[in-house]
């Protein structure tokens, strides 16, 4: 996912999106007699798990007023297992970061990559699943050299932007506000290729019923450090809520063990193997 640049390499989507107060989830009644898997978890609002999320399928979405996407399933499971009513609102990426930092919401999820700076700002969960870079082209190219002849589009704020500019030249890399804007220019031929996350590229092709553009996992290239190995994603929790973060870790591990995390990935068009973060760490 985009790496919000609070200081240097974190995701910095400078997007003209609405601040907090977007689509809200419908209330889910907590079952009578529910026993939380972890006791003593404190949240911003008693009895609720408050969440700020972006509209970012296939990772997370609030279309129809209900959480969906792979991260949406994780958030719903966390709320259920902690016997809390899920209270999610869509927001801009900037507002999400600020609301989790200041504690007005408890947490966020949605393909947030783990990095050192993020660990200083939040109580970051253990890795949830893996994510990789992708190329969106008409040719099916899967290397940077394979798209070096034309303009390459990518959303602003990703960790790989600087490396792309150094490798291809600043004049060859066009920055966009959203993945969809990249897609539209690649589709129209105004850009020769798009660079984004694998899941985002798949979602765009699927949602537009596009049988012309192809999505390829970018082959590792030492010049583009984000392409070397798979990035690890996490749930970002308010820094003062370490107990909640620890509960998230326990619940995510249960999802990994019972297969529901793999199913959530596959149901959203992502590879189920992305749930195997331990195997990736040992490779």
Protein backbone atom coordinates (compact mmCIF):
# COMPACT_ATOMS: atom_id res chain seq x y z
CA UNK A 1 0.00 0.00 0.00
CA UNK A 2 1.00 3.61 -0.15
CA UNK A 3 3.43 4.48 2.57
CA UNK A 4 2.16 7.54 4.37
CA UNK A 5 5.16 9.87 4.75
CA UNK A 6 4.81 11.20 8.23
CA UNK A 7 8.50 11.95 7.99
CA UNK A 8 10.35 10.17 5.23
CA UNK A 9 9.23 6.90 3.68
CA UNK A 10 5.85 6.29 5.21
CA UNK A 11 2.82 6.41 3.01
CA UNK A 12 2.10 9.98 2.00
CA UNK A 13 -1.01 10.18 -0.11
CA UNK A 14 -1.57 13.85 -0.66
CA UNK A 15 -5.09 13.20 -1.79
CA UNK A 16 -7.96 15.67 -1.98
CA UNK A 17 -10.25 13.29 -0.17
CA UNK A 18 -12.78 14.04 2.50
CA UNK A 19 -11.65 14.01 6.09
CA UNK A 20 -13.24 11.84 8.76
CA UNK A 21 -16.96 11.46 8.53
CA UNK A 22 -17.41 9.38 5.39
CA UNK A 23 -19.42 6.19 5.07
CA UNK A 24 -20.15 4.57 8.43
CA UNK A 25 -20.73 0.92 9.20
CA UNK A 26 -24.09 -0.32 10.36
CA UNK A 27 -24.16 -1.40 13.98
CA UNK A 28 -23.63 -5.08 14.72
CA UNK A 29 -25.18 -6.38 17.91
CA UNK A 30 -22.81 -8.19 20.24
CA UNK A 31 -24.18 -11.57 21.25
CA UNK A 32 -25.49 -11.82 24.79
CA UNK A 33 -23.03 -13.60 27.06
CA UNK A 34 -20.15 -13.03 24.66
CA UNK A 35 -16.76 -13.70 26.27
CA UNK A 36 -13.81 -11.85 24.74
CA UNK A 37 -10.74 -13.89 23.84
CA UNK A 38 -8.64 -11.24 25.62
CA UNK A 39 -9.87 -9.42 28.71
CA UNK A 40 -9.00 -5.91 29.81
CA UNK A 41 -8.87 -4.37 26.33
CA UNK A 42 -9.69 -0.66 26.51
CA UNK A 43 -11.07 1.21 23.49
CA UNK A 44 -11.83 4.84 22.67
CA UNK A 45 -15.56 4.23 23.12
CA UNK A 46 -16.71 1.66 25.65
CA UNK A 47 -18.26 -1.38 24.00
CA UNK A 48 -17.10 -0.37 20.52
CA UNK A 49 -14.09 -0.93 18.30
CA UNK A 50 -13.70 2.30 16.35
CA UNK A 51 -11.90 2.12 13.02
CA UNK A 52 -10.93 4.55 10.28
CA UNK A 53 -10.42 2.99 6.86
CA UNK A 54 -9.86 4.11 3.29
CA UNK A 55 -12.01 3.04 0.36
CA UNK A 56 -9.30 0.76 -1.00
CA UNK A 57 -10.57 -2.53 -2.46
CA UNK A 58 -9.64 -5.37 -2.49
CA UNK A 59 -8.00 -4.57 0.84
CA UNK A 60 -10.80 -2.71 2.58
CA UNK A 61 -14.11 -1.15 1.56
CA UNK A 62 -17.23 0.28 3.15
CA UNK A 63 -19.50 0.13 0.12
CA UNK A 64 -23.04 -0.61 1.23
CA UNK A 65 -22.18 0.47 4.77
CA UNK A 66 -20.44 -2.78 5.69
CA UNK A 67 -16.78 -3.67 6.00
CA UNK A 68 -15.43 -5.88 3.24
CA UNK A 69 -12.09 -6.76 1.68
CA UNK A 70 -9.36 -8.87 3.24
CA UNK A 71 -8.53 -6.26 5.90
CA UNK A 72 -12.23 -5.65 6.45
CA UNK A 73 -12.62 -9.32 7.34
CA UNK A 74 -9.73 -9.04 9.79
CA UNK A 75 -11.28 -6.01 11.47
CA UNK A 76 -14.68 -7.70 11.75
CA UNK A 77 -13.07 -10.75 13.33
CA UNK A 78 -11.17 -8.61 15.83
CA UNK A 79 -14.38 -6.87 16.89
CA UNK A 80 -16.29 -10.15 17.12
CA UNK A 81 -13.64 -11.96 19.15
CA UNK A 82 -13.33 -9.03 21.55
CA UNK A 83 -17.13 -8.79 21.94
CA UNK A 84 -17.10 -5.22 20.64
CA UNK A 85 -19.46 -3.45 18.28
CA UNK A 86 -17.55 -2.54 15.10
CA UNK A 87 -17.76 1.16 14.31
CA UNK A 88 -15.93 1.94 11.06
CA UNK A 89 -15.84 5.11 9.02
CA UNK A 90 -14.18 5.86 5.70
CA UNK A 91 -11.71 8.68 5.61
CA UNK A 92 -8.79 10.14 3.69
CA UNK A 93 -5.42 8.55 4.28
CA UNK A 94 -4.18 11.71 5.97
CA UNK A 95 -7.14 11.80 8.34
CA UNK A 96 -6.78 8.08 9.09
CA UNK A 97 -3.22 8.56 10.25
CA UNK A 98 -4.13 11.52 12.44
CA UNK A 99 -7.21 9.91 13.98
CA UNK A 100 -5.33 6.77 15.00
CA UNK A 101 -2.42 8.82 16.32
CA UNK A 102 -4.62 11.08 18.45
CA UNK A 103 -6.74 8.20 19.73
CA UNK A 104 -10.09 9.36 18.38
CA UNK A 105 -10.28 5.93 16.74
CA UNK A 106 -8.67 2.73 17.94
CA UNK A 107 -7.06 1.36 14.81
CA UNK A 108 -6.91 1.05 11.04
CA UNK A 109 -6.14 -1.68 8.52
CA UNK A 110 -5.94 -1.73 4.76
CA UNK A 111 -2.62 -2.88 3.28
CA UNK A 112 -0.50 -0.69 5.53
CA UNK A 113 3.14 -1.69 5.12
CA UNK A 114 5.41 -2.17 8.11
CA UNK A 115 8.45 0.08 8.38
CA UNK A 116 10.60 1.61 11.09
CA UNK A 117 8.94 5.02 11.13
CA UNK A 118 5.49 3.54 11.40
CA UNK A 119 6.64 1.60 14.43
CA UNK A 120 7.51 4.89 16.09
CA UNK A 121 4.06 6.35 15.47
CA UNK A 122 1.76 3.41 16.26
CA UNK A 123 1.41 0.16 18.14
CA UNK A 124 1.96 -1.93 15.02
CA UNK A 125 0.66 -5.48 14.84
CA UNK A 126 2.73 -8.42 13.73
CA UNK A 127 2.60 -9.04 9.94
CA UNK A 128 -0.87 -9.94 8.71
CA UNK A 129 -0.17 -10.85 5.07
CA UNK A 130 2.33 -10.19 2.29
CA UNK A 131 2.02 -7.84 -0.65
CA UNK A 132 4.01 -7.27 -3.84
CA UNK A 133 4.52 -4.71 -6.58
CA UNK A 134 2.88 -5.15 -9.97
CA UNK A 135 3.14 -3.79 -13.49
CA UNK A 136 -0.01 -2.90 -15.40
CA UNK A 137 0.61 -2.97 -19.15
CA UNK A 138 -0.89 -4.07 -22.45
CA UNK A 139 2.15 -6.25 -23.15
CA UNK A 140 2.36 -8.23 -19.93
CA UNK A 141 5.83 -6.92 -19.11
CA UNK A 142 7.14 -8.03 -15.73
CA UNK A 143 10.46 -6.14 -15.48
CA UNK A 144 11.36 -2.48 -15.14
CA UNK A 145 13.60 -2.73 -18.20
CA UNK A 146 10.58 -4.00 -20.11
CA UNK A 147 8.78 -0.68 -19.63
CA UNK A 148 11.77 1.68 -19.70
CA UNK A 149 11.00 3.06 -23.16
CA UNK A 150 7.90 5.05 -22.26
CA UNK A 151 6.15 6.94 -19.49
CA UNK A 152 5.51 4.94 -16.33
CA UNK A 153 2.71 6.05 -14.02
CA UNK A 154 2.46 5.40 -10.29
CA UNK A 155 0.48 6.90 -7.41
CA UNK A 156 2.41 9.47 -5.41
CA UNK A 157 3.74 8.55 -2.01
CA UNK A 158 4.74 4.94 -2.55
CA UNK A 159 8.06 3.73 -1.17
CA UNK A 160 9.28 2.92 -4.66
CA UNK A 161 8.76 6.35 -6.26
CA UNK A 162 12.29 7.59 -5.62
CA UNK A 163 13.88 4.39 -6.92
CA UNK A 164 11.73 4.49 -10.05
CA UNK A 165 12.78 8.06 -10.73
CA UNK A 166 16.46 7.23 -10.25
CA UNK A 167 16.22 4.16 -12.48
CA UNK A 168 14.05 5.50 -15.30
CA UNK A 169 14.57 9.24 -14.98
CA UNK A 170 12.26 11.75 -13.33
CA UNK A 171 10.88 12.81 -16.70
CA UNK A 172 9.77 9.22 -17.39
CA UNK A 173 7.86 8.72 -14.14
CA UNK A 174 4.48 10.43 -13.87
CA UNK A 175 2.87 10.70 -10.44
CA UNK A 176 -0.88 10.43 -9.89
CA UNK A 177 -3.24 10.97 -6.98
CA UNK A 178 -4.88 7.54 -7.23
CA UNK A 179 -4.43 4.06 -8.69
CA UNK A 180 -7.52 4.61 -10.82
CA UNK A 181 -5.94 7.67 -12.43
CA UNK A 182 -2.91 5.56 -13.31
CA UNK A 183 -5.16 2.86 -14.74
CA UNK A 184 -7.08 5.33 -16.91
CA UNK A 185 -3.89 6.73 -18.45
CA UNK A 186 -2.45 3.29 -19.13
CA UNK A 187 -5.74 2.23 -20.68
CA UNK A 188 -5.84 5.31 -22.92
CA UNK A 189 -2.18 4.99 -23.90
CA UNK A 190 -1.12 8.22 -22.23
CA UNK A 191 1.18 6.10 -20.05
CA UNK A 192 2.97 2.99 -21.21
CA UNK A 193 2.80 1.19 -17.87
CA UNK A 194 1.49 1.52 -14.35
CA UNK A 195 3.28 0.54 -11.15
CA UNK A 196 1.12 -0.24 -8.10
CA UNK A 197 0.36 -3.01 -5.64
CA UNK A 198 -0.61 -6.37 -7.08
CA UNK A 199 -4.02 -6.40 -5.44
CA UNK A 200 -4.90 -2.88 -6.56
CA UNK A 201 -3.96 -3.69 -10.16
CA UNK A 202 -6.06 -6.86 -10.15
CA UNK A 203 -9.03 -5.01 -8.68
CA UNK A 204 -8.89 -2.28 -11.33
CA UNK A 205 -8.76 -4.77 -14.19
CA UNK A 206 -11.59 -6.81 -12.68
CA UNK A 207 -13.88 -3.89 -11.82
CA UNK A 208 -13.49 -2.43 -15.32
CA UNK A 209 -14.00 -5.79 -17.08
CA UNK A 210 -10.73 -5.09 -18.85
CA UNK A 211 -9.47 -7.91 -21.06
CA UNK A 212 -6.73 -5.87 -22.70
CA UNK A 213 -4.49 -4.71 -19.89
CA UNK A 214 -2.41 -7.33 -18.10
CA UNK A 215 -1.22 -7.52 -14.50
CA UNK A 216 2.20 -9.02 -13.81
CA UNK A 217 4.07 -9.37 -10.55
CA UNK A 218 7.18 -7.23 -10.86
CA UNK A 219 10.31 -9.35 -10.85
CA UNK A 220 12.81 -8.41 -8.15
CA UNK A 221 15.12 -5.59 -9.19
CA UNK A 222 17.85 -4.38 -6.84
CA UNK A 223 17.39 -0.86 -8.21
CA UNK A 224 13.80 -0.88 -6.92
CA UNK A 225 14.18 -2.00 -3.31
CA UNK A 226 10.44 -2.41 -2.71
CA UNK A 227 10.41 -5.14 -5.38
CA UNK A 228 12.97 -7.26 -3.53
CA UNK A 229 11.02 -9.65 -1.34
CA UNK A 230 7.42 -9.20 -0.26
CA UNK A 231 6.30 -6.28 1.86
CA UNK A 232 4.53 -7.14 5.12
CA UNK A 233 1.25 -5.47 6.03
CA UNK A 234 -0.10 -4.74 9.50
CA UNK A 235 -2.93 -3.35 11.59
CA UNK A 236 -2.02 0.08 12.97
CA UNK A 237 -3.25 0.64 16.53
CA UNK A 238 -3.13 3.77 18.66
CA UNK A 239 0.25 3.78 20.38
CA UNK A 240 -1.28 3.89 23.87
CA UNK A 241 -3.32 0.72 23.26
CA UNK A 242 -0.67 -2.00 23.38
CA UNK A 243 -3.16 -4.44 24.94
CA UNK A 244 -5.45 -4.02 21.95
CA UNK A 245 -2.50 -4.51 19.60
CA UNK A 246 -1.57 -7.72 21.40
CA UNK A 247 -5.17 -8.92 21.11
CA UNK A 248 -5.10 -8.17 17.37
CA UNK A 249 -1.95 -10.29 17.06
CA UNK A 250 -3.63 -13.20 18.84
CA UNK A 251 -6.77 -13.01 16.71
CA UNK A 252 -4.89 -12.69 13.42
CA UNK A 253 -2.83 -15.75 14.34
CA UNK A 254 -6.07 -17.65 15.00
CA UNK A 255 -7.30 -16.61 11.55
CA UNK A 256 -4.06 -17.86 10.04
CA UNK A 257 -4.36 -21.19 11.84
CA UNK A 258 -8.04 -21.82 11.06
CA UNK A 259 -7.66 -20.86 7.39
CA UNK A 260 -10.01 -17.87 7.50
CA UNK A 261 -7.23 -15.42 6.63
CA UNK A 262 -6.25 -17.44 3.58
CA UNK A 263 -9.92 -17.62 2.57
CA UNK A 264 -10.33 -13.85 2.98
CA UNK A 265 -7.35 -13.28 0.69
CA UNK A 266 -8.62 -15.69 -1.95
CA UNK A 267 -12.19 -14.39 -1.74
CA UNK A 268 -10.81 -10.96 -2.63
CA UNK A 269 -8.72 -12.12 -5.57
CA UNK A 270 -5.41 -12.26 -3.73
CA UNK A 271 -3.15 -15.31 -3.40
CA UNK A 272 -3.84 -17.38 -0.31
CA UNK A 273 -0.10 -17.93 0.05
CA UNK A 274 0.18 -14.26 1.09
CA UNK A 275 -1.00 -15.37 4.54
CA UNK A 276 2.18 -17.40 5.04
CA UNK A 277 4.34 -14.61 6.44
CA UNK A 278 6.55 -17.03 8.41
CA UNK A 279 7.58 -18.93 5.29
CA UNK A 280 8.49 -15.67 3.57
CA UNK A 281 10.57 -14.57 6.54
CA UNK A 282 12.54 -17.78 6.41
CA UNK A 283 13.19 -17.71 2.69
